[in-house]
Protein backbone atom coordinates (compact mmCIF):
# COMPACT_ATOMS: atom_id res chain seq x y z
CA MET A 1 17.94 98.34 52.14
CA LYS A 2 18.26 100.00 55.58
CA ILE A 3 17.26 96.86 57.41
CA VAL A 4 20.08 95.05 55.84
CA THR A 5 22.40 98.03 56.62
CA LEU A 6 21.39 98.06 60.29
CA LEU A 7 21.82 94.06 60.73
CA VAL A 8 25.23 94.42 59.17
CA VAL A 9 26.39 97.14 61.58
CA LEU A 10 24.89 95.09 64.47
CA ALA A 11 26.69 91.78 63.47
CA THR A 12 29.86 93.70 62.99
CA THR A 13 29.78 95.50 66.23
CA VAL A 14 29.15 92.11 68.10
CA THR A 15 31.93 90.12 66.34
CA GLY A 16 34.70 92.74 66.39
CA SER A 17 34.14 95.57 68.93
CA THR A 18 37.93 96.51 69.24
CA THR A 19 39.32 98.73 66.59
CA GLN A 20 42.23 97.03 64.76
CA ALA A 21 45.12 99.15 63.14
CA PHE A 22 44.88 98.89 59.32
CA SER A 23 46.09 100.39 56.09
CA PRO A 24 43.50 102.73 54.42
CA ALA A 25 43.62 100.83 51.18
CA GLY A 26 42.63 97.50 53.07
CA ALA A 27 39.04 98.79 53.81
CA ALA A 28 36.68 96.60 51.71
CA THR A 29 33.40 98.68 50.66
CA ILE A 30 30.03 96.57 50.74
CA LYS A 31 27.16 97.79 48.77
CA GLY A 32 24.33 95.58 49.57
CA GLY A 33 25.44 92.08 50.65
CA GLY A 34 26.51 88.82 48.85
CA GLN A 35 29.66 86.78 48.20
CA ALA A 36 31.20 89.19 45.68
CA LYS A 37 31.97 91.56 48.61
CA ARG A 38 33.20 88.84 50.94
CA ARG A 39 35.58 87.61 47.97
CA ARG A 40 37.08 91.08 47.58
CA VAL A 41 37.84 91.25 51.39
CA THR A 42 39.46 87.65 51.25
CA LYS A 43 41.44 88.70 48.32
CA GLN A 44 42.59 91.96 49.98
CA LYS A 45 43.69 89.94 53.03
CA LYS A 46 45.74 87.34 50.84
CA LEU A 47 47.33 90.39 49.12
CA GLN A 48 48.55 91.95 52.46
CA GLN A 49 49.82 88.51 53.83
CA GLN A 50 51.81 88.32 50.40
CA GLN A 51 53.10 91.74 50.90
CA GLN A 52 54.02 90.97 54.55
CA GLN A 53 55.63 87.81 53.70
CA GLN A 54 57.57 89.33 50.93
CA GLN A 55 59.12 91.83 53.49
CA TRP A 56 60.08 89.16 55.91
CA SER A 57 61.86 87.29 53.08
CA THR A 58 64.56 89.78 52.89
CA ARG A 59 67.64 88.46 54.65
CA GLY A 60 70.69 90.06 56.25
CA THR A 61 68.89 93.47 56.51
CA ILE A 62 67.32 95.42 59.39
CA ARG A 63 63.75 96.72 58.47
CA GLN A 64 60.95 98.51 60.06
CA GLU A 65 57.68 97.16 60.53
CA PRO A 66 55.12 99.36 59.11
CA LEU A 67 52.68 100.94 61.58
CA ARG A 68 49.05 101.13 60.44
CA ALA A 69 46.97 104.25 60.50
CA ALA A 70 44.08 104.39 62.98
CA ALA A 71 40.66 103.56 61.69
CA VAL A 72 38.10 106.56 61.43
CA THR A 73 34.77 105.07 62.42
CA VAL A 74 31.05 105.99 62.86
CA GLY A 75 28.62 104.38 65.09
CA SER A 76 30.92 101.45 66.30
CA ASP A 77 34.41 100.71 66.84
CA ASN A 78 34.97 99.21 63.43
CA VAL A 79 32.15 100.23 60.94
CA SER A 80 31.81 103.40 58.95
CA LEU A 81 28.31 104.21 57.49
CA ASN A 82 27.78 106.48 54.66
CA GLU A 83 24.40 107.73 55.04
CA GLU A 84 24.02 109.23 51.68
CA ASP A 85 24.44 106.20 49.56
CA GLY A 86 23.75 103.39 52.21
CA THR A 87 27.37 102.32 51.93
CA ILE A 88 28.80 100.27 54.81
CA ALA A 89 32.58 100.17 55.23
CA PHE A 90 34.20 97.87 57.69
CA ILE A 91 37.78 97.21 58.47
CA PRO A 92 38.98 93.55 58.43
CA PRO A 93 41.23 92.40 61.27
CA PRO A 94 44.93 92.49 60.30
CA PRO A 95 46.49 89.13 58.95
CA PRO A 96 48.12 87.17 61.59
CA LEU A 97 51.84 87.39 61.89
CA LEU A 98 53.74 84.80 60.21
CA PRO A 99 56.74 83.15 61.82
CA GLN A 100 59.85 84.83 61.39
CA PRO A 101 62.40 82.90 59.49
CA ARG A 102 65.64 82.03 61.11
CA SER A 103 67.84 84.43 59.29
CA SER A 104 69.74 87.61 60.10
CA THR A 105 66.70 89.67 59.52
CA PHE A 106 65.57 91.81 62.52
CA ILE A 107 62.08 93.27 62.90
CA VAL A 108 62.30 96.89 64.30
CA PRO A 109 58.96 98.28 64.98
CA THR A 110 59.04 101.98 64.60
CA ALA A 111 56.89 102.20 67.78
CA ASP A 112 59.64 100.59 69.95
CA VAL A 113 63.13 100.94 68.69
CA ILE A 114 65.54 99.69 71.06
CA VAL A 115 68.42 102.11 71.42
CA ASP A 116 71.37 102.80 73.76
CA ASP A 117 69.67 105.12 76.19
CA GLY A 118 72.58 105.67 78.59
CA LYS A 119 70.72 103.48 81.25
CA ALA A 120 72.20 100.72 83.28
CA SER A 121 71.10 97.14 83.69
CA MET A 122 70.17 95.60 86.90
CA SER A 123 73.36 93.49 87.14
CA SER A 124 75.40 96.65 86.60
CA GLU A 125 73.67 98.54 89.29
CA ILE A 126 73.89 96.07 91.75
CA PHE A 127 77.88 95.86 91.39
CA SER A 128 78.10 99.77 91.33
CA LEU A 129 75.79 99.86 94.63
CA ALA A 130 77.74 97.42 96.40
CA LYS A 131 81.12 99.19 95.37
CA THR A 132 79.59 102.56 96.42
CA ILE A 133 78.51 101.15 99.82
CA ILE A 134 81.60 99.12 100.68
CA GLY A 135 84.46 101.45 101.88
CA ALA A 136 87.42 101.52 104.19
CA SER A 137 85.02 101.95 107.31
CA CYS A 138 84.41 98.52 107.26
CA PHE A 139 88.10 97.88 108.72
CA GLY A 140 86.87 99.70 111.91
CA LEU A 141 84.16 97.10 112.67
CA PRO A 142 86.43 94.78 114.70
CA ALA A 143 87.23 97.55 117.16
CA ALA A 144 83.48 98.44 117.53
CA ILE A 145 82.63 94.95 118.42
CA ALA A 146 85.62 94.96 121.03
CA ALA A 147 84.00 97.93 122.59
CA TYR A 148 81.20 95.56 124.08
CA GLY A 149 82.53 92.07 123.88
CA SER A 150 85.75 90.39 124.51
CA ALA A 151 84.88 86.75 123.90
CA PRO A 152 84.91 85.23 120.34
CA SER A 153 81.09 84.68 120.61
CA ALA A 154 80.51 88.42 120.50
CA ILE A 155 80.76 88.06 116.79
CA LEU A 156 77.36 86.12 116.81
CA SER A 157 75.41 89.19 118.03
CA ALA A 158 77.69 91.36 116.03
CA CYS A 159 76.31 89.52 112.85
CA LEU A 160 72.84 90.13 113.82
CA VAL A 161 73.20 93.99 114.35
CA ILE A 162 75.12 94.22 111.10
CA ALA A 163 72.17 92.32 109.15
CA GLY A 164 69.47 94.74 111.24
CA ILE A 165 71.25 97.99 110.57
CA GLY A 166 71.91 96.93 106.96
CA SER A 167 68.29 96.30 106.29
CA MET A 168 67.09 99.36 108.00
CA SER A 169 69.70 101.41 105.82
CA GLY A 170 68.51 99.57 102.84
CA TYR A 171 64.97 100.16 103.59
CA GLY A 172 65.86 104.04 103.69
CA PHE A 173 67.80 103.78 100.53
CA SER A 174 64.49 102.19 98.80
CA LEU A 175 62.30 104.66 100.34
CA ILE A 176 64.40 107.60 98.68
CA GLY A 177 63.99 105.93 95.42
CA ARG A 178 60.42 105.33 95.54
CA VAL A 179 59.69 108.95 96.64
CA CYS A 180 61.49 109.95 93.38
CA SER A 181 59.33 107.59 91.37
CA TYR A 182 56.33 109.11 92.93
CA THR A 183 57.41 112.78 92.53
CA GLY A 184 59.52 112.94 89.43
CA ALA A 185 62.55 114.06 91.73
CA THR A 186 66.08 113.61 90.52
CA SER A 187 68.16 114.46 93.59
CA TYR A 188 67.93 113.86 97.29
CA GLN A 189 67.26 117.63 97.99
CA GLU A 190 64.62 117.78 95.20
CA ALA A 191 62.82 114.80 96.82
CA TRP A 192 62.65 116.72 100.13
CA ALA A 193 61.69 119.97 98.55
CA LYS A 194 58.70 118.09 96.61
CA THR A 195 57.40 116.30 99.58
CA VAL A 196 58.23 118.39 102.74
CA SER A 197 59.56 121.94 101.91
CA PRO A 198 61.77 123.76 99.52
CA LYS A 199 62.74 126.25 102.19
CA SER A 200 64.55 123.54 104.43
CA ALA A 201 65.96 121.51 101.29
CA TRP A 202 69.35 122.78 102.31
CA MET A 203 69.24 120.62 105.34
CA VAL A 204 69.47 117.37 103.14
CA SER A 205 72.46 118.88 101.37
CA GLY A 206 74.07 120.02 104.49
CA PHE A 207 73.92 116.45 105.84
CA SER A 208 75.14 115.08 102.65
CA VAL A 209 78.22 117.33 102.79
CA LEU A 210 78.66 116.48 106.45
CA VAL A 211 78.76 112.71 105.63
CA CYS A 212 81.27 113.14 102.84
CA LEU A 213 83.51 115.32 104.77
CA SER A 214 83.45 112.69 107.45
CA SER A 215 84.36 110.27 104.82
CA LEU A 216 87.25 112.35 103.51
CA LEU A 217 88.80 113.14 106.97
CA ALA A 218 88.68 109.26 107.52
CA TYR A 219 90.28 108.50 104.15
CA THR A 220 92.84 111.09 105.02
CA MET A 221 93.67 109.33 108.29
CA VAL A 222 93.71 106.13 106.82
CA LEU A 223 96.21 107.03 104.01
CA THR A 224 98.47 108.85 106.30
CA ASP A 225 98.74 105.76 108.62
CA THR A 226 99.05 103.66 105.37
CA THR A 227 101.99 105.43 104.14
CA ILE A 228 103.68 105.09 107.37
CA LYS A 229 103.12 101.24 107.36
CA LEU A 230 104.06 100.87 103.67
CA ALA A 231 107.31 103.16 104.13
CA THR A 232 108.42 100.74 107.06
CA GLY A 233 107.32 97.65 105.31
CA PHE A 234 108.78 98.00 101.71
CA ALA A 235 111.48 100.69 102.31
CA GLY A 236 112.42 100.30 105.95
CA ILE A 237 111.83 104.21 106.58
CA SER A 238 110.54 105.48 109.50
CA LEU A 239 107.94 108.54 109.03
CA SER A 240 106.24 110.76 111.53
CA LYS A 241 102.65 111.36 111.05
CA PRO A 242 103.14 115.03 109.67
CA GLN A 243 105.98 113.85 107.43
CA ALA A 244 103.61 111.28 105.83
CA LEU A 245 100.79 113.57 105.57
CA VAL A 246 102.84 116.10 103.80
CA SER A 247 104.35 113.50 101.34
CA LEU A 248 100.84 112.39 100.82
CA MET A 249 98.75 115.64 100.37
CA ILE A 250 101.33 117.79 98.15
CA PRO A 251 102.40 115.39 95.48
CA ILE A 252 99.39 113.00 95.52
CA LEU A 253 96.05 114.22 96.64
CA LEU A 254 96.34 117.89 95.48
CA PRO A 255 96.97 117.14 91.89
CA LEU A 256 94.15 114.40 92.01
CA CYS A 257 91.47 116.97 93.51
CA ARG A 258 92.56 119.44 90.80
CA LEU A 259 91.74 117.22 88.03
CA LYS A 260 89.18 118.74 85.54
CA GLU A 261 88.15 115.42 84.07
CA LEU A 262 87.39 112.73 86.70
CA LYS A 263 85.98 110.26 84.36
CA LYS A 264 89.47 109.13 83.76
CA LEU A 265 89.45 107.90 87.13
CA ALA A 266 86.16 105.72 86.83
CA PRO A 267 87.91 102.54 85.36
CA PHE A 268 90.22 102.59 88.66
CA ALA A 269 87.44 103.53 90.90
CA MET A 270 85.56 100.05 89.85
CA MET A 271 88.71 98.18 91.07
CA GLY A 272 87.95 99.12 94.59
CA ILE A 273 85.49 96.37 95.19
CA GLY A 274 88.35 93.83 94.13
CA ALA A 275 90.85 95.40 96.59
CA ILE A 276 88.37 94.79 99.42
CA LEU A 277 87.69 91.33 98.35
CA TYR A 278 91.37 90.53 98.29
CA THR A 279 91.90 91.99 101.67
CA VAL A 280 89.15 89.77 103.12
CA PHE A 281 90.52 86.83 101.62
CA VAL A 282 94.05 87.65 103.14
CA MET A 283 92.53 88.23 106.56
CA GLY A 284 90.58 85.21 106.40
CA LEU A 285 93.85 83.18 105.52
CA ARG A 286 95.75 84.85 108.22
CA TYR A 287 93.17 83.85 110.78
CA ALA A 288 92.84 80.27 109.43
CA GLN A 289 96.63 79.96 109.74
CA GLY A 290 96.78 81.28 113.20
CA ALA A 291 99.64 83.55 112.02
CA TYR A 292 99.04 86.09 114.92
CA ALA A 293 98.05 83.76 117.53
CA LEU A 294 100.54 82.24 120.22
CA GLY A 295 103.28 80.56 118.45
CA GLY A 296 102.19 81.93 114.92
CA LYS A 297 104.53 83.27 112.26
CA PHE A 298 103.93 86.91 113.10
CA ALA A 299 103.09 86.59 116.71
CA THR A 300 106.43 88.13 118.15
CA VAL A 301 105.99 90.97 115.76
CA ALA A 302 102.41 91.26 116.98
CA ALA A 303 103.59 91.42 120.64
CA ALA A 304 106.07 93.99 120.03
CA THR A 305 103.59 96.46 118.56
CA ALA A 306 100.92 95.70 121.27
CA SER A 307 98.64 93.79 118.65
CA SER A 308 98.73 90.42 120.35
CA PRO A 309 95.47 88.65 120.36
CA ALA A 310 93.50 89.33 123.46
CA PHE A 311 90.15 87.79 124.63
CA GLY A 312 88.02 87.86 127.76
CA SER A 313 84.65 86.56 128.90
CA VAL A 314 82.04 88.79 127.60
CA GLY A 315 80.56 87.28 124.61
CA ALA A 316 77.14 87.76 122.63
CA ALA A 317 75.35 89.11 125.73
CA GLY A 318 77.58 92.10 125.57
CA ILE A 319 75.33 93.52 122.82
CA PHE A 320 72.85 94.58 125.52
CA SER A 321 75.53 97.02 127.03
CA PRO A 322 75.19 100.80 126.12
CA SER A 323 78.70 100.48 124.39
CA ALA A 324 77.12 98.40 121.67
CA PHE A 325 75.65 101.76 120.25
CA VAL A 326 79.36 102.50 119.09
CA LEU A 327 79.04 99.68 116.60
CA ILE A 328 75.46 100.82 115.55
CA GLY A 329 77.08 104.32 115.03
CA MET A 330 79.78 102.96 112.99
CA LEU A 331 77.50 100.92 110.75
CA ALA A 332 75.29 103.94 110.04
CA THR A 333 78.46 105.45 108.43
CA ALA A 334 79.47 102.13 106.72
CA PHE A 335 76.13 101.66 105.08
CA SER A 336 75.54 105.21 104.15
CA SER A 337 75.24 106.08 100.31
CA HIS A 338 71.88 107.31 100.34
CA TYR A 339 72.63 110.82 98.56
CA ASN A 340 73.08 108.43 95.39
CA ALA A 341 69.73 106.85 95.59
CA PRO A 342 68.07 109.02 93.13
CA LYS A 343 70.77 108.60 90.78
CA PHE A 344 70.55 104.91 91.04
CA TYR A 345 66.86 105.02 90.54
CA ASN A 346 66.94 107.36 87.51
CA GLU A 347 69.74 105.48 85.69
CA LEU A 348 68.04 102.17 85.95
CA ARG A 349 66.72 100.89 82.78
CA ASP A 350 63.11 100.21 82.87
CA ASN A 351 63.24 101.77 86.45
CA THR A 352 60.04 100.09 88.18
CA VAL A 353 59.85 100.12 91.88
CA PRO A 354 60.13 96.41 92.07
CA ARG A 355 63.22 96.39 89.87
CA TYR A 356 64.69 99.14 91.86
CA ASN A 357 63.90 97.39 94.96
CA ALA A 358 65.76 94.24 93.65
CA VAL A 359 68.91 96.21 93.05
CA VAL A 360 68.82 97.76 96.48
CA GLY A 361 68.34 94.32 98.16
CA SER A 362 71.19 92.79 96.20
CA GLY A 363 73.63 95.51 96.67
CA TYR A 364 73.00 95.82 100.35
CA LEU A 365 73.06 92.00 100.82
CA LEU A 366 76.64 91.82 99.17
CA ALA A 367 77.77 94.73 101.39
CA GLY A 368 76.40 93.20 104.50
CA LEU A 369 78.13 89.77 103.67
CA THR A 370 81.30 91.52 103.28
CA TYR A 371 81.07 93.44 106.39
CA ILE A 372 80.34 90.43 108.40
CA LEU A 373 83.42 88.60 107.03
CA VAL A 374 85.62 91.66 107.70
CA ALA A 375 84.31 91.90 111.28
CA ALA A 376 84.61 88.30 111.95
CA PHE A 377 88.03 87.62 110.67
CA GLY A 378 89.47 90.91 112.23
CA PHE A 379 87.87 90.36 115.67
CA LEU A 380 88.60 86.61 115.81
CA THR A 381 92.26 87.27 114.90
CA PHE A 382 92.91 90.18 117.30
CA GLY A 383 89.94 90.38 119.92
CA THR A 384 90.19 93.48 122.32
CA ALA A 385 93.42 94.41 120.56
CA SER A 386 91.57 95.24 117.38
CA GLY A 387 92.52 98.80 116.36
CA PRO A 388 90.05 101.25 114.53
CA MET A 389 91.89 100.49 111.57
CA VAL A 390 92.26 96.81 111.78
CA LEU A 391 94.84 96.46 108.90
CA HIS A 392 97.22 98.25 111.15
CA ASN A 393 97.20 95.54 113.63
CA TYR A 394 99.05 93.34 111.05
CA ALA A 395 102.94 93.14 110.82
CA ALA A 396 104.56 95.70 108.77
CA ASN A 397 106.64 92.87 107.18
CA ASP A 398 103.59 90.69 106.46
CA GLY A 399 103.76 90.59 102.52
CA LEU A 400 100.24 89.66 101.65
CA ILE A 401 98.82 92.26 104.04
CA ASN A 402 101.01 94.90 102.53
CA VAL A 403 99.61 94.29 99.31
CA ALA A 404 96.23 94.26 100.75
CA ARG A 405 97.25 97.84 102.28
CA LEU A 406 98.47 99.06 98.89
CA ALA A 407 95.28 97.79 97.10
CA VAL A 408 92.95 99.51 99.50
CA ALA A 409 95.12 102.79 99.48
CA GLY A 410 94.88 102.72 95.57
CA SER A 411 91.24 102.35 95.99
CA ILE A 412 90.91 105.11 98.32
CA LEU A 413 93.03 107.40 96.17
CA THR A 414 90.87 106.89 93.05
CA SER A 415 87.74 107.55 95.17
CA TYR A 416 89.12 110.42 97.00
CA PRO A 417 88.82 113.07 94.08
CA LEU A 418 85.26 112.03 93.34
CA THR A 419 83.97 112.41 96.76
CA PHE A 420 86.02 115.56 97.24
CA THR A 421 84.68 117.29 94.06
CA GLY A 422 81.16 116.56 95.24
CA VAL A 423 81.93 118.08 98.63
CA ARG A 424 83.60 121.23 97.08
CA ASP A 425 80.67 121.81 94.68
CA SER A 426 78.01 121.46 97.38
CA VAL A 427 79.98 123.84 99.72
CA LEU A 428 79.92 126.51 96.61
CA ASP A 429 76.32 125.81 96.27
CA LEU A 430 75.42 126.18 99.79
CA CYS A 431 77.50 129.42 99.89
CA LYS A 432 75.85 130.60 96.58
CA VAL A 433 79.20 130.95 94.97
CA LYS A 434 78.32 131.51 91.15
CA ASN A 435 81.95 132.31 90.18
CA ARG A 436 83.48 128.85 89.30
CA SER A 437 86.67 129.82 87.57
CA ASN A 438 89.92 127.65 87.93
CA LYS A 439 91.12 130.12 90.40
CA VAL A 440 88.17 129.93 92.63
CA LEU A 441 88.17 126.16 92.41
CA ASP A 442 91.95 125.98 93.21
CA GLY A 443 91.76 128.31 96.25
CA VAL A 444 88.82 126.22 97.76
CA THR A 445 90.54 122.91 96.87
CA VAL A 446 93.57 124.10 98.79
CA GLY A 447 91.50 125.46 101.65
CA LEU A 448 89.60 122.04 102.06
CA LEU A 449 92.69 119.89 101.79
CA ALA A 450 94.35 121.91 104.51
CA THR A 451 91.41 121.89 106.80
CA LEU A 452 91.38 117.94 106.27
CA ALA A 453 95.15 117.80 107.01
CA ILE A 454 94.81 119.92 110.18
CA LEU A 455 91.64 117.88 111.46
CA SER A 456 93.62 114.54 110.64
CA LEU A 457 96.57 115.65 112.88
CA LEU A 458 94.01 116.72 115.77
CA VAL A 459 91.76 113.71 115.86
CA THR A 460 93.63 110.82 117.49
CA ASP A 461 91.16 107.92 117.04
CA LEU A 462 89.88 107.04 113.47
CA GLY A 463 86.90 105.13 115.13
CA ALA A 464 85.60 108.47 116.68
CA VAL A 465 85.09 109.90 113.11
CA TRP A 466 82.95 106.80 112.05
CA ALA A 467 81.27 106.33 115.18
CA ILE A 468 80.18 109.93 116.02
CA GLY A 469 79.51 110.76 112.36
CA GLY A 470 77.60 107.69 111.81
CA ALA A 471 75.41 108.12 115.05
CA THR A 472 74.56 111.84 114.17
CA TYR A 473 74.25 112.89 110.50
CA GLY A 474 74.76 109.46 109.21
CA THR A 475 71.68 108.15 111.20
CA ALA A 476 69.68 111.37 109.84
CA LEU A 477 70.52 110.73 106.35
CA THR A 478 69.83 107.08 106.45
CA VAL A 479 67.08 106.29 108.67
CA LEU A 480 65.54 109.50 109.57
CA ILE A 481 64.82 111.49 106.56
CA PRO A 482 63.69 109.05 103.99
CA PRO A 483 60.76 107.75 106.25
CA PHE A 484 59.72 111.35 106.92
CA MET A 485 59.82 111.92 102.93
CA PHE A 486 57.77 108.83 102.21
CA VAL A 487 55.12 109.71 104.91
CA GLN A 488 54.68 113.22 103.79
CA CYS A 489 54.52 111.87 100.18
CA VAL A 490 51.73 109.46 100.70
CA LEU A 491 49.80 111.75 103.25
CA LYS A 492 49.77 114.59 100.27
CA LYS A 493 48.40 111.49 97.88
CA GLN A 494 51.16 112.10 95.43
CA PRO A 495 51.41 108.57 94.40
CA LYS A 496 48.59 106.82 92.68
CA GLU A 497 48.39 103.98 94.94
CA TRP A 498 48.43 106.09 98.11
CA MET A 499 45.69 104.21 99.88
CA LYS A 500 47.59 101.03 99.61
CA LEU A 501 50.73 102.60 100.67
CA ARG A 502 49.08 104.24 103.89
CA LYS A 503 49.52 100.69 105.31
CA GLU A 504 53.11 101.22 105.38
CA ILE A 505 53.22 104.44 107.29
CA PRO A 506 53.70 102.64 110.67
CA LEU A 507 56.69 100.77 109.50
CA ALA A 508 58.23 103.96 108.09
CA VAL A 509 57.56 105.63 111.39
CA GLY A 510 58.80 102.87 113.48
CA THR A 511 62.00 102.86 111.72
CA ALA A 512 62.43 106.77 112.17
CA VAL A 513 61.64 106.45 115.83
CA LEU A 514 64.25 103.43 116.31
CA GLY A 515 66.77 105.25 114.30
CA LEU A 516 66.17 108.45 116.34
CA GLY A 517 66.85 106.64 119.62
CA MET A 518 69.96 104.79 118.32
CA GLY A 519 71.18 108.02 116.98
CA VAL A 520 70.92 109.84 120.25
CA ILE A 521 72.39 107.02 122.45
CA GLY A 522 74.94 106.15 119.85
CA THR A 523 76.26 109.58 119.97
CA PHE A 524 76.55 109.78 123.72
CA GLN A 525 78.27 106.50 123.94
CA ALA A 526 80.70 107.22 121.00
CA ILE A 527 81.80 110.48 122.73
CA GLN A 528 82.27 108.64 125.84
CA LYS A 529 84.16 105.91 124.28
CA PHE A 530 86.75 108.02 122.12
CA ARG A 531 89.04 110.43 123.07
CA VAL A 532 88.68 112.91 120.01
CA VAL A 533 91.12 115.69 120.44
CA ALA A 534 94.59 115.01 121.37
């Protein structure tokens, strides 16, 4: 009897070493051997299949597929031996799943219920990332090209620079998300604290605030100049800069920045990408028409406003001039959205690193292509006459451009309070202000808006804001801090695959060193190029 018992145990172990989930009532008990016991097992299998098929036959309902209990085994994965009476109990494999009938029945296993988890799909994140990156700063790129080149061929080298800086910035964005995946961080500041030091994490928040403040200052200047252009184009009213600023700040920006529920602006903010794309289309149309060239429809108006196209002989080779670092610094601002990287990683559904990298690559590709088109159409239309906001080069009576101005202004207005609220809250956090009453918030709001208004009157060149800001804290936030965090993370062996990731350290370090050089030279060249204070 004991020999038979051992043989059955051995045979069962060899033929079925993997424990299968089962129903406790489905275990067949064998007390010796013979066909009777195998018939009982076969009968039990058929009974389970019939029960499963009966469940599948239910149409028009949503049901849950029952989970089987785990087997309790002795001596092997699927055999239980009772030493008192020599009984051997083995667990038969579960019946094969029958084909699901074509009906309205849905099988919802209790172990993997699909629910609305509030996560975003890849396509949604790609669109959102492109919208977050692309901003009004792209309209300063033609002037940055004019800083080093004067011939139409200068756009060729500019396209290469845009692609290169976009790739570096996208790599930094990717590194931040990857560090979050390795450490479990949910913010840029927390990622620094977990990889470098909690004591210096305030520095990351400080850089983020400076980048956002720079953007708000640029937005204020753009909105003020756009108000002047629209008042002239639509109403024939001539406004001074202070008048336009007051008419913008008090009735429009102040109420928007005091809003308590900013989610109401979200649907309008998503329209911003449409405004940019429409503007790119109109700029391309005016270039193809030659509307501002000699003899064009708006050539006379352009000449009267010193916006007539002007070209020289310095082409693509001008990129080797130190003045080209003005373009590099401006691109650092244009591609900067890295304080949002943890949010994009954590809100991505099934946020694996490959899926996240696919989102980053696609979003930065769309942004890069948009920047190339804006730079090309603007520079090829006006050449060295391109202003720091190329839309202001176009005639005030150009109907299509006025619609573009209005669309871009609307896009900025819906994004302004979102950025402003983030800056205000960050300033309060850095100052460790715990009282967030309406009175305190309103006071800080008025103070920040007044500061931005004064700075917008003092700063005479919008390009300086974008170029200097991008060359300093913009470069630090996009291509210096992310590689440093990644290297520290790998050296501390935080990711499981740290041995494999060590091979990437030279690339990360090289990116940081290159970014540091570009930032230093770019800052010097931007200061030399632009007259900041009137």
